[in-house]
Amino acid sequence: YIHARAIVTCFKDNRAMVKKIFDNLKPGGYFEFQDPTFPMLS
């Protein structure tokens, strides 16, 4: 299980980060991402 939260300002290449996460999971393992989004809305 890999978890990442509130990383909206962290990475330059999110696609590459997802690939790195996938490669470091066991088969059957889960990745979970939780993030605030920009911009705010009304």
ModelCIF file with pLDDT and N, C-alpha, C, O atoms, coordinates in Angstrom:
data_MODEL
#
_entry.id   MODEL 
#
_entity.id                         1 
_entity.type                       polymer 
_entity.pdbx_number_of_molecules   1 
#
_entity_poly.entity_id                      1 
_entity_poly.type                           'polypeptide(L)' 
_entity_poly.nstd_linkage                   no 
_entity_poly.nstd_monomer                   no 
_entity_poly.pdbx_seq_one_letter_code       YIHARAIVTCFKDNRAMVKKIFDNLKPGGYFEFQDPTFPMLS 
_entity_poly.pdbx_seq_one_letter_code_can   YIHARAIVTCFKDNRAMVKKIFDNLKPGGYFEFQDPTFPMLS 
_entity_poly.pdbx_strand_id                 A 
#
loop_
_entity_poly_seq.entity_id 
_entity_poly_seq.num 
_entity_poly_seq.mon_id 
_entity_poly_seq.hetero 
1 1  TYR n 
1 2  ILE n 
1 3  HIS n 
1 4  ALA n 
1 5  ARG n 
1 6  ALA n 
1 7  ILE n 
1 8  VAL n 
1 9  THR n 
1 10 CYS n 
1 11 PHE n 
1 12 LYS n 
1 13 ASP n 
1 14 ASN n 
1 15 ARG n 
1 16 ALA n 
1 17 MET n 
1 18 VAL n 
1 19 LYS n 
1 20 LYS n 
1 21 ILE n 
1 22 PHE n 
1 23 ASP n 
1 24 ASN n 
1 25 LEU n 
1 26 LYS n 
1 27 PRO n 
1 28 GLY n 
1 29 GLY n 
1 30 TYR n 
1 31 PHE n 
1 32 GLU n 
1 33 PHE n 
1 34 GLN n 
1 35 ASP n 
1 36 PRO n 
1 37 THR n 
1 38 PHE n 
1 39 PRO n 
1 40 MET n 
1 41 LEU n 
1 42 SER n 
#
_struct_asym.id          A 
_struct_asym.entity_id   1 
#
loop_
_ma_qa_metric.id 
_ma_qa_metric.mode 
_ma_qa_metric.name 
_ma_qa_metric.software_group_id 
_ma_qa_metric.type 
1 global pLDDT . pLDDT 
2 local  pLDDT . pLDDT 
#
_ma_qa_metric_global.metric_id      1 
_ma_qa_metric_global.metric_value   95.05 
_ma_qa_metric_global.model_id       1 
_ma_qa_metric_global.ordinal_id     1 
#
loop_
_ma_qa_metric_local.label_asym_id 
_ma_qa_metric_local.label_comp_id 
_ma_qa_metric_local.label_seq_id 
_ma_qa_metric_local.metric_id 
_ma_qa_metric_local.metric_value 
_ma_qa_metric_local.model_id 
_ma_qa_metric_local.ordinal_id 
A TYR 1  2 98.00 1 1  
A ILE 2  2 98.00 1 2  
A HIS 3  2 98.00 1 3  
A ALA 4  2 97.00 1 4  
A ARG 5  2 95.00 1 5  
A ALA 6  2 92.00 1 6  
A ILE 7  2 88.00 1 7  
A VAL 8  2 84.00 1 8  
A THR 9  2 80.00 1 9  
A CYS 10 2 83.00 1 10 
A PHE 11 2 87.00 1 11 
A LYS 12 2 88.00 1 12 
A ASP 13 2 94.00 1 13 
A ASN 14 2 95.00 1 14 
A ARG 15 2 95.00 1 15 
A ALA 16 2 95.00 1 16 
A MET 17 2 96.00 1 17 
A VAL 18 2 97.00 1 18 
A LYS 19 2 98.00 1 19 
A LYS 20 2 97.00 1 20 
A ILE 21 2 98.00 1 21 
A PHE 22 2 98.00 1 22 
A ASP 23 2 98.00 1 23 
A ASN 24 2 98.00 1 24 
A LEU 25 2 98.00 1 25 
A LYS 26 2 98.00 1 26 
A PRO 27 2 98.00 1 27 
A GLY 28 2 98.00 1 28 
A GLY 29 2 98.00 1 29 
A TYR 30 2 98.00 1 30 
A PHE 31 2 98.00 1 31 
A GLU 32 2 98.00 1 32 
A PHE 33 2 97.00 1 33 
A GLN 34 2 97.00 1 34 
A ASP 35 2 95.00 1 35 
A PRO 36 2 94.00 1 36 
A THR 37 2 95.00 1 37 
A PHE 38 2 94.00 1 38 
A PRO 39 2 96.00 1 39 
A MET 40 2 97.00 1 40 
A LEU 41 2 98.00 1 41 
A SER 42 2 98.00 1 42 
#
loop_
_atom_site.group_PDB 
_atom_site.id 
_atom_site.type_symbol 
_atom_site.label_atom_id 
_atom_site.label_alt_id 
_atom_site.label_comp_id 
_atom_site.label_asym_id 
_atom_site.label_entity_id 
_atom_site.label_seq_id 
_atom_site.pdbx_PDB_ins_code 
_atom_site.Cartn_x 
_atom_site.Cartn_y 
_atom_site.Cartn_z 
_atom_site.occupancy 
_atom_site.B_iso_or_equiv 
_atom_site.pdbx_formal_charge 
_atom_site.auth_seq_id 
_atom_site.auth_comp_id 
_atom_site.auth_asym_id 
_atom_site.auth_atom_id 
_atom_site.pdbx_PDB_model_num 
ATOM 1   N N  . TYR A 1 1  ? 0.864   -1.188 0.000   1.00 98.00 ? 1  TYR A N  1 
ATOM 2   C CA . TYR A 1 1  ? 0.000   0.000  0.000   1.00 98.00 ? 1  TYR A CA 1 
ATOM 3   C C  . TYR A 1 1  ? 0.894   1.228  0.000   1.00 98.00 ? 1  TYR A C  1 
ATOM 4   O O  . TYR A 1 1  ? 1.768   1.372  0.855   1.00 98.00 ? 1  TYR A O  1 
ATOM 5   N N  . ILE A 1 2  ? 0.671   2.111  -0.962  1.00 98.00 ? 2  ILE A N  1 
ATOM 6   C CA . ILE A 1 2  ? 1.384   3.394  -1.022  1.00 98.00 ? 2  ILE A CA 1 
ATOM 7   C C  . ILE A 1 2  ? 0.356   4.503  -0.939  1.00 98.00 ? 2  ILE A C  1 
ATOM 8   O O  . ILE A 1 2  ? -0.652  4.488  -1.645  1.00 98.00 ? 2  ILE A O  1 
ATOM 9   N N  . HIS A 1 3  ? 0.622   5.466  -0.070  1.00 98.00 ? 3  HIS A N  1 
ATOM 10  C CA . HIS A 1 3  ? -0.305  6.560  0.207   1.00 98.00 ? 3  HIS A CA 1 
ATOM 11  C C  . HIS A 1 3  ? 0.407   7.889  -0.034  1.00 98.00 ? 3  HIS A C  1 
ATOM 12  O O  . HIS A 1 3  ? 1.571   8.054  0.332   1.00 98.00 ? 3  HIS A O  1 
ATOM 13  N N  . ALA A 1 4  ? -0.300  8.832  -0.650  1.00 97.00 ? 4  ALA A N  1 
ATOM 14  C CA . ALA A 1 4  ? 0.229   10.180 -0.841  1.00 97.00 ? 4  ALA A CA 1 
ATOM 15  C C  . ALA A 1 4  ? -0.910  11.171 -0.642  1.00 97.00 ? 4  ALA A C  1 
ATOM 16  O O  . ALA A 1 4  ? -2.011  10.980 -1.158  1.00 97.00 ? 4  ALA A O  1 
ATOM 17  N N  . ARG A 1 5  ? -0.633  12.232 0.112   1.00 95.00 ? 5  ARG A N  1 
ATOM 18  C CA . ARG A 1 5  ? -1.698  13.183 0.437   1.00 95.00 ? 5  ARG A CA 1 
ATOM 19  C C  . ARG A 1 5  ? -1.149  14.612 0.438   1.00 95.00 ? 5  ARG A C  1 
ATOM 20  O O  . ARG A 1 5  ? -0.034  14.867 0.895   1.00 95.00 ? 5  ARG A O  1 
ATOM 21  N N  . ALA A 1 6  ? -1.961  15.536 -0.085  1.00 92.00 ? 6  ALA A N  1 
ATOM 22  C CA . ALA A 1 6  ? -1.628  16.971 -0.076  1.00 92.00 ? 6  ALA A CA 1 
ATOM 23  C C  . ALA A 1 6  ? -0.257  17.222 -0.704  1.00 92.00 ? 6  ALA A C  1 
ATOM 24  O O  . ALA A 1 6  ? 0.608   17.862 -0.107  1.00 92.00 ? 6  ALA A O  1 
ATOM 25  N N  . ILE A 1 7  ? -0.081  16.704 -1.919  1.00 88.00 ? 7  ILE A N  1 
ATOM 26  C CA . ILE A 1 7  ? 1.194   16.844 -2.622  1.00 88.00 ? 7  ILE A CA 1 
ATOM 27  C C  . ILE A 1 7  ? 1.044   17.713 -3.873  1.00 88.00 ? 7  ILE A C  1 
ATOM 28  O O  . ILE A 1 7  ? 1.842   17.613 -4.804  1.00 88.00 ? 7  ILE A O  1 
ATOM 29  N N  . VAL A 1 8  ? 0.019   18.564 -3.886  1.00 84.00 ? 8  VAL A N  1 
ATOM 30  C CA . VAL A 1 8  ? -0.315  19.355 -5.071  1.00 84.00 ? 8  VAL A CA 1 
ATOM 31  C C  . VAL A 1 8  ? 0.854   20.198 -5.559  1.00 84.00 ? 8  VAL A C  1 
ATOM 32  O O  . VAL A 1 8  ? 0.958   20.457 -6.758  1.00 84.00 ? 8  VAL A O  1 
ATOM 33  N N  . THR A 1 9  ? 1.739   20.635 -4.663  1.00 80.00 ? 9  THR A N  1 
ATOM 34  C CA . THR A 1 9  ? 2.861   21.489 -5.062  1.00 80.00 ? 9  THR A CA 1 
ATOM 35  C C  . THR A 1 9  ? 4.174   20.726 -5.205  1.00 80.00 ? 9  THR A C  1 
ATOM 36  O O  . THR A 1 9  ? 5.219   21.347 -5.402  1.00 80.00 ? 9  THR A O  1 
ATOM 37  N N  . CYS A 1 10 ? 4.151   19.410 -5.111  1.00 83.00 ? 10 CYS A N  1 
ATOM 38  C CA . CYS A 1 10 ? 5.399   18.661 -4.915  1.00 83.00 ? 10 CYS A CA 1 
ATOM 39  C C  . CYS A 1 10 ? 6.165   18.299 -6.183  1.00 83.00 ? 10 CYS A C  1 
ATOM 40  O O  . CYS A 1 10 ? 7.384   18.466 -6.226  1.00 83.00 ? 10 CYS A O  1 
ATOM 41  N N  . PHE A 1 11 ? 5.481   17.809 -7.216  1.00 87.00 ? 11 PHE A N  1 
ATOM 42  C CA . PHE A 1 11 ? 6.186   17.112 -8.288  1.00 87.00 ? 11 PHE A CA 1 
ATOM 43  C C  . PHE A 1 11 ? 6.042   17.814 -9.634  1.00 87.00 ? 11 PHE A C  1 
ATOM 44  O O  . PHE A 1 11 ? 5.019   18.436 -9.922  1.00 87.00 ? 11 PHE A O  1 
ATOM 45  N N  . LYS A 1 12 ? 7.082   17.703 -10.447 1.00 88.00 ? 12 LYS A N  1 
ATOM 46  C CA . LYS A 1 12 ? 7.041   18.284 -11.781 1.00 88.00 ? 12 LYS A CA 1 
ATOM 47  C C  . LYS A 1 12 ? 6.354   17.362 -12.788 1.00 88.00 ? 12 LYS A C  1 
ATOM 48  O O  . LYS A 1 12 ? 5.684   17.836 -13.706 1.00 88.00 ? 12 LYS A O  1 
ATOM 49  N N  . ASP A 1 13 ? 6.517   16.048 -12.622 1.00 94.00 ? 13 ASP A N  1 
ATOM 50  C CA . ASP A 1 13 ? 5.990   15.085 -13.595 1.00 94.00 ? 13 ASP A CA 1 
ATOM 51  C C  . ASP A 1 13 ? 5.146   14.050 -12.860 1.00 94.00 ? 13 ASP A C  1 
ATOM 52  O O  . ASP A 1 13 ? 5.662   13.039 -12.385 1.00 94.00 ? 13 ASP A O  1 
ATOM 53  N N  . ASN A 1 14 ? 3.854   14.311 -12.773 1.00 95.00 ? 14 ASN A N  1 
ATOM 54  C CA . ASN A 1 14 ? 2.968   13.414 -12.029 1.00 95.00 ? 14 ASN A CA 1 
ATOM 55  C C  . ASN A 1 14 ? 2.808   12.063 -12.717 1.00 95.00 ? 14 ASN A C  1 
ATOM 56  O O  . ASN A 1 14 ? 2.664   11.043 -12.044 1.00 95.00 ? 14 ASN A O  1 
ATOM 57  N N  . ARG A 1 15 ? 2.831   12.041 -14.034 1.00 95.00 ? 15 ARG A N  1 
ATOM 58  C CA . ARG A 1 15 ? 2.768   10.761 -14.748 1.00 95.00 ? 15 ARG A CA 1 
ATOM 59  C C  . ARG A 1 15 ? 3.943   9.863  -14.359 1.00 95.00 ? 15 ARG A C  1 
ATOM 60  O O  . ARG A 1 15 ? 3.771   8.675  -14.087 1.00 95.00 ? 15 ARG A O  1 
ATOM 61  N N  . ALA A 1 16 ? 5.138   10.453 -14.339 1.00 95.00 ? 16 ALA A N  1 
ATOM 62  C CA . ALA A 1 16 ? 6.327   9.688  -13.979 1.00 95.00 ? 16 ALA A CA 1 
ATOM 63  C C  . ALA A 1 16 ? 6.247   9.195  -12.543 1.00 95.00 ? 16 ALA A C  1 
ATOM 64  O O  . ALA A 1 16 ? 6.723   8.103  -12.235 1.00 95.00 ? 16 ALA A O  1 
ATOM 65  N N  . MET A 1 17 ? 5.649   9.990  -11.660 1.00 96.00 ? 17 MET A N  1 
ATOM 66  C CA . MET A 1 17 ? 5.509   9.582  -10.268 1.00 96.00 ? 17 MET A CA 1 
ATOM 67  C C  . MET A 1 17 ? 4.549   8.396  -10.146 1.00 96.00 ? 17 MET A C  1 
ATOM 68  O O  . MET A 1 17 ? 4.800   7.477  -9.368  1.00 96.00 ? 17 MET A O  1 
ATOM 69  N N  . VAL A 1 18 ? 3.455   8.412  -10.908 1.00 97.00 ? 18 VAL A N  1 
ATOM 70  C CA . VAL A 1 18 ? 2.522   7.278  -10.883 1.00 97.00 ? 18 VAL A CA 1 
ATOM 71  C C  . VAL A 1 18 ? 3.220   6.011  -11.360 1.00 97.00 ? 18 VAL A C  1 
ATOM 72  O O  . VAL A 1 18 ? 3.010   4.940  -10.791 1.00 97.00 ? 18 VAL A O  1 
ATOM 73  N N  . LYS A 1 19 ? 4.047   6.117  -12.395 1.00 98.00 ? 19 LYS A N  1 
ATOM 74  C CA . LYS A 1 19 ? 4.782   4.950  -12.901 1.00 98.00 ? 19 LYS A CA 1 
ATOM 75  C C  . LYS A 1 19 ? 5.747   4.420  -11.838 1.00 98.00 ? 19 LYS A C  1 
ATOM 76  O O  . LYS A 1 19 ? 5.884   3.209  -11.666 1.00 98.00 ? 19 LYS A O  1 
ATOM 77  N N  . LYS A 1 20 ? 6.404   5.319  -11.139 1.00 97.00 ? 20 LYS A N  1 
ATOM 78  C CA . LYS A 1 20 ? 7.342   4.911  -10.093 1.00 97.00 ? 20 LYS A CA 1 
ATOM 79  C C  . LYS A 1 20 ? 6.596   4.201  -8.964  1.00 97.00 ? 20 LYS A C  1 
ATOM 80  O O  . LYS A 1 20 ? 7.079   3.203  -8.429  1.00 97.00 ? 20 LYS A O  1 
ATOM 81  N N  . ILE A 1 21 ? 5.428   4.709  -8.606  1.00 98.00 ? 21 ILE A N  1 
ATOM 82  C CA . ILE A 1 21 ? 4.602   4.084  -7.572  1.00 98.00 ? 21 ILE A CA 1 
ATOM 83  C C  . ILE A 1 21 ? 4.164   2.694  -8.018  1.00 98.00 ? 21 ILE A C  1 
ATOM 84  O O  . ILE A 1 21 ? 4.251   1.736  -7.249  1.00 98.00 ? 21 ILE A O  1 
ATOM 85  N N  . PHE A 1 22 ? 3.692   2.583  -9.260  1.00 98.00 ? 22 PHE A N  1 
ATOM 86  C CA . PHE A 1 22 ? 3.251   1.290  -9.811  1.00 98.00 ? 22 PHE A CA 1 
ATOM 87  C C  . PHE A 1 22 ? 4.377   0.262  -9.748  1.00 98.00 ? 22 PHE A C  1 
ATOM 88  O O  . PHE A 1 22 ? 4.163   -0.886 -9.360  1.00 98.00 ? 22 PHE A O  1 
ATOM 89  N N  . ASP A 1 23 ? 5.578   0.690  -10.133 1.00 98.00 ? 23 ASP A N  1 
ATOM 90  C CA . ASP A 1 23 ? 6.725   -0.228 -10.170 1.00 98.00 ? 23 ASP A CA 1 
ATOM 91  C C  . ASP A 1 23 ? 7.157   -0.681 -8.782  1.00 98.00 ? 23 ASP A C  1 
ATOM 92  O O  . ASP A 1 23 ? 7.819   -1.710 -8.644  1.00 98.00 ? 23 ASP A O  1 
ATOM 93  N N  . ASN A 1 24 ? 6.787   0.079  -7.749  1.00 98.00 ? 24 ASN A N  1 
ATOM 94  C CA . ASN A 1 24 ? 7.202   -0.255 -6.381  1.00 98.00 ? 24 ASN A CA 1 
ATOM 95  C C  . ASN A 1 24 ? 6.083   -0.847 -5.541  1.00 98.00 ? 24 ASN A C  1 
ATOM 96  O O  . ASN A 1 24 ? 6.195   -0.925 -4.317  1.00 98.00 ? 24 ASN A O  1 
ATOM 97  N N  . LEU A 1 25 ? 5.003   -1.263 -6.193  1.00 98.00 ? 25 LEU A N  1 
ATOM 98  C CA . LEU A 1 25 ? 3.927   -1.983 -5.534  1.00 98.00 ? 25 LEU A CA 1 
ATOM 99  C C  . LEU A 1 25 ? 4.032   -3.481 -5.832  1.00 98.00 ? 25 LEU A C  1 
ATOM 100 O O  . LEU A 1 25 ? 4.447   -3.880 -6.920  1.00 98.00 ? 25 LEU A O  1 
ATOM 101 N N  . LYS A 1 26 ? 3.658   -4.286 -4.867  1.00 98.00 ? 26 LYS A N  1 
ATOM 102 C CA . LYS A 1 26 ? 3.516   -5.708 -5.116  1.00 98.00 ? 26 LYS A CA 1 
ATOM 103 C C  . LYS A 1 26 ? 2.278   -5.933 -5.998  1.00 98.00 ? 26 LYS A C  1 
ATOM 104 O O  . LYS A 1 26 ? 1.348   -5.129 -5.947  1.00 98.00 ? 26 LYS A O  1 
ATOM 105 N N  . PRO A 1 27 ? 2.243   -6.989 -6.795  1.00 98.00 ? 27 PRO A N  1 
ATOM 106 C CA . PRO A 1 27 ? 1.003   -7.322 -7.499  1.00 98.00 ? 27 PRO A CA 1 
ATOM 107 C C  . PRO A 1 27 ? -0.153  -7.459 -6.499  1.00 98.00 ? 27 PRO A C  1 
ATOM 108 O O  . PRO A 1 27 ? -0.030  -8.143 -5.483  1.00 98.00 ? 27 PRO A O  1 
ATOM 109 N N  . GLY A 1 28 ? -1.264  -6.805 -6.803  1.00 98.00 ? 28 GLY A N  1 
ATOM 110 C CA . GLY A 1 28 ? -2.397  -6.790 -5.884  1.00 98.00 ? 28 GLY A CA 1 
ATOM 111 C C  . GLY A 1 28 ? -2.360  -5.644 -4.892  1.00 98.00 ? 28 GLY A C  1 
ATOM 112 O O  . GLY A 1 28 ? -3.310  -5.445 -4.135  1.00 98.00 ? 28 GLY A O  1 
ATOM 113 N N  . GLY A 1 29 ? -1.253  -4.876 -4.888  1.00 98.00 ? 29 GLY A N  1 
ATOM 114 C CA . GLY A 1 29 ? -1.125  -3.763 -3.959  1.00 98.00 ? 29 GLY A CA 1 
ATOM 115 C C  . GLY A 1 29 ? -1.901  -2.539 -4.414  1.00 98.00 ? 29 GLY A C  1 
ATOM 116 O O  . GLY A 1 29 ? -2.220  -2.396 -5.594  1.00 98.00 ? 29 GLY A O  1 
ATOM 117 N N  . TYR A 1 30 ? -2.202  -1.656 -3.466  1.00 98.00 ? 30 TYR A N  1 
ATOM 118 C CA . TYR A 1 30 ? -3.010  -0.466 -3.743  1.00 98.00 ? 30 TYR A CA 1 
ATOM 119 C C  . TYR A 1 30 ? -2.195  0.812  -3.613  1.00 98.00 ? 30 TYR A C  1 
ATOM 120 O O  . TYR A 1 30 ? -1.293  0.921  -2.783  1.00 98.00 ? 30 TYR A O  1 
ATOM 121 N N  . PHE A 1 31 ? -2.540  1.767  -4.455  1.00 98.00 ? 31 PHE A N  1 
ATOM 122 C CA . PHE A 1 31 ? -2.059  3.144  -4.317  1.00 98.00 ? 31 PHE A CA 1 
ATOM 123 C C  . PHE A 1 31 ? -3.256  4.039  -4.053  1.00 98.00 ? 31 PHE A C  1 
ATOM 124 O O  . PHE A 1 31 ? -4.296  3.908  -4.698  1.00 98.00 ? 31 PHE A O  1 
ATOM 125 N N  . GLU A 1 32 ? -3.100  4.954  -3.095  1.00 98.00 ? 32 GLU A N  1 
ATOM 126 C CA . GLU A 1 32 ? -4.168  5.923  -2.781  1.00 98.00 ? 32 GLU A CA 1 
ATOM 127 C C  . GLU A 1 32 ? -3.589  7.327  -2.763  1.00 98.00 ? 32 GLU A C  1 
ATOM 128 O O  . GLU A 1 32 ? -2.537  7.583  -2.176  1.00 98.00 ? 32 GLU A O  1 
ATOM 129 N N  . PHE A 1 33 ? -4.304  8.228  -3.423  1.00 97.00 ? 33 PHE A N  1 
ATOM 130 C CA . PHE A 1 33 ? -3.905  9.627  -3.592  1.00 97.00 ? 33 PHE A CA 1 
ATOM 131 C C  . PHE A 1 33 ? -5.025  10.515 -3.063  1.00 97.00 ? 33 PHE A C  1 
ATOM 132 O O  . PHE A 1 33 ? -6.190  10.316 -3.407  1.00 97.00 ? 33 PHE A O  1 
ATOM 133 N N  . GLN A 1 34 ? -4.680  11.489 -2.232  1.00 97.00 ? 34 GLN A N  1 
ATOM 134 C CA . GLN A 1 34 ? -5.664  12.408 -1.654  1.00 97.00 ? 34 GLN A CA 1 
ATOM 135 C C  . GLN A 1 34 ? -5.098  13.821 -1.775  1.00 97.00 ? 34 GLN A C  1 
ATOM 136 O O  . GLN A 1 34 ? -4.035  14.108 -1.225  1.00 97.00 ? 34 GLN A O  1 
ATOM 137 N N  . ASP A 1 35 ? -5.791  14.704 -2.484  1.00 95.00 ? 35 ASP A N  1 
ATOM 138 C CA . ASP A 1 35 ? -5.180  16.007 -2.745  1.00 95.00 ? 35 ASP A CA 1 
ATOM 139 C C  . ASP A 1 35 ? -6.207  17.125 -2.869  1.00 95.00 ? 35 ASP A C  1 
ATOM 140 O O  . ASP A 1 35 ? -7.248  16.945 -3.501  1.00 95.00 ? 35 ASP A O  1 
ATOM 141 N N  . PRO A 1 36 ? -5.918  18.282 -2.265  1.00 94.00 ? 36 PRO A N  1 
ATOM 142 C CA . PRO A 1 36 ? -6.698  19.472 -2.570  1.00 94.00 ? 36 PRO A CA 1 
ATOM 143 C C  . PRO A 1 36 ? -6.426  19.894 -4.010  1.00 94.00 ? 36 PRO A C  1 
ATOM 144 O O  . PRO A 1 36 ? -5.365  19.585 -4.551  1.00 94.00 ? 36 PRO A O  1 
ATOM 145 N N  . THR A 1 37 ? -7.355  20.587 -4.630  1.00 95.00 ? 37 THR A N  1 
ATOM 146 C CA . THR A 1 37 ? -7.183  20.993 -6.023  1.00 95.00 ? 37 THR A CA 1 
ATOM 147 C C  . THR A 1 37 ? -7.217  22.512 -6.156  1.00 95.00 ? 37 THR A C  1 
ATOM 148 O O  . THR A 1 37 ? -7.830  23.215 -5.352  1.00 95.00 ? 37 THR A O  1 
ATOM 149 N N  . PHE A 1 38 ? -6.554  22.984 -7.171  1.00 94.00 ? 38 PHE A N  1 
ATOM 150 C CA . PHE A 1 38 ? -6.585  24.405 -7.550  1.00 94.00 ? 38 PHE A CA 1 
ATOM 151 C C  . PHE A 1 38 ? -7.277  24.527 -8.894  1.00 94.00 ? 38 PHE A C  1 
ATOM 152 O O  . PHE A 1 38 ? -7.239  23.599 -9.702  1.00 94.00 ? 38 PHE A O  1 
ATOM 153 N N  . PRO A 1 39 ? -7.925  25.698 -9.145  1.00 96.00 ? 39 PRO A N  1 
ATOM 154 C CA . PRO A 1 39 ? -8.172  26.791 -8.201  1.00 96.00 ? 39 PRO A CA 1 
ATOM 155 C C  . PRO A 1 39 ? -9.446  26.552 -7.400  1.00 96.00 ? 39 PRO A C  1 
ATOM 156 O O  . PRO A 1 39 ? -10.214 25.635 -7.691  1.00 96.00 ? 39 PRO A O  1 
ATOM 157 N N  . MET A 1 40 ? -9.660  27.385 -6.391  1.00 97.00 ? 40 MET A N  1 
ATOM 158 C CA . MET A 1 40 ? -10.941 27.372 -5.678  1.00 97.00 ? 40 MET A CA 1 
ATOM 159 C C  . MET A 1 40 ? -12.047 27.805 -6.637  1.00 97.00 ? 40 MET A C  1 
ATOM 160 O O  . MET A 1 40 ? -11.789 28.432 -7.664  1.00 97.00 ? 40 MET A O  1 
ATOM 161 N N  . LEU A 1 41 ? -13.281 27.459 -6.282  1.00 98.00 ? 41 LEU A N  1 
ATOM 162 C CA . LEU A 1 41 ? -14.433 27.729 -7.138  1.00 98.00 ? 41 LEU A CA 1 
ATOM 163 C C  . LEU A 1 41 ? -15.544 28.388 -6.343  1.00 98.00 ? 41 LEU A C  1 
ATOM 164 O O  . LEU A 1 41 ? -15.556 28.339 -5.113  1.00 98.00 ? 41 LEU A O  1 
ATOM 165 N N  . SER A 1 42 ? -16.482 29.007 -7.058  1.00 98.00 ? 42 SER A N  1 
ATOM 166 C CA . SER A 1 42 ? -17.765 29.417 -6.462  1.00 98.00 ? 42 SER A CA 1 
ATOM 167 C C  . SER A 1 42 ? -18.829 29.305 -7.539  1.00 98.00 ? 42 SER A C  1 
ATOM 168 O O  . SER A 1 42 ? -19.998 29.595 -7.285  1.00 98.00 ? 42 SER A O  1 
#
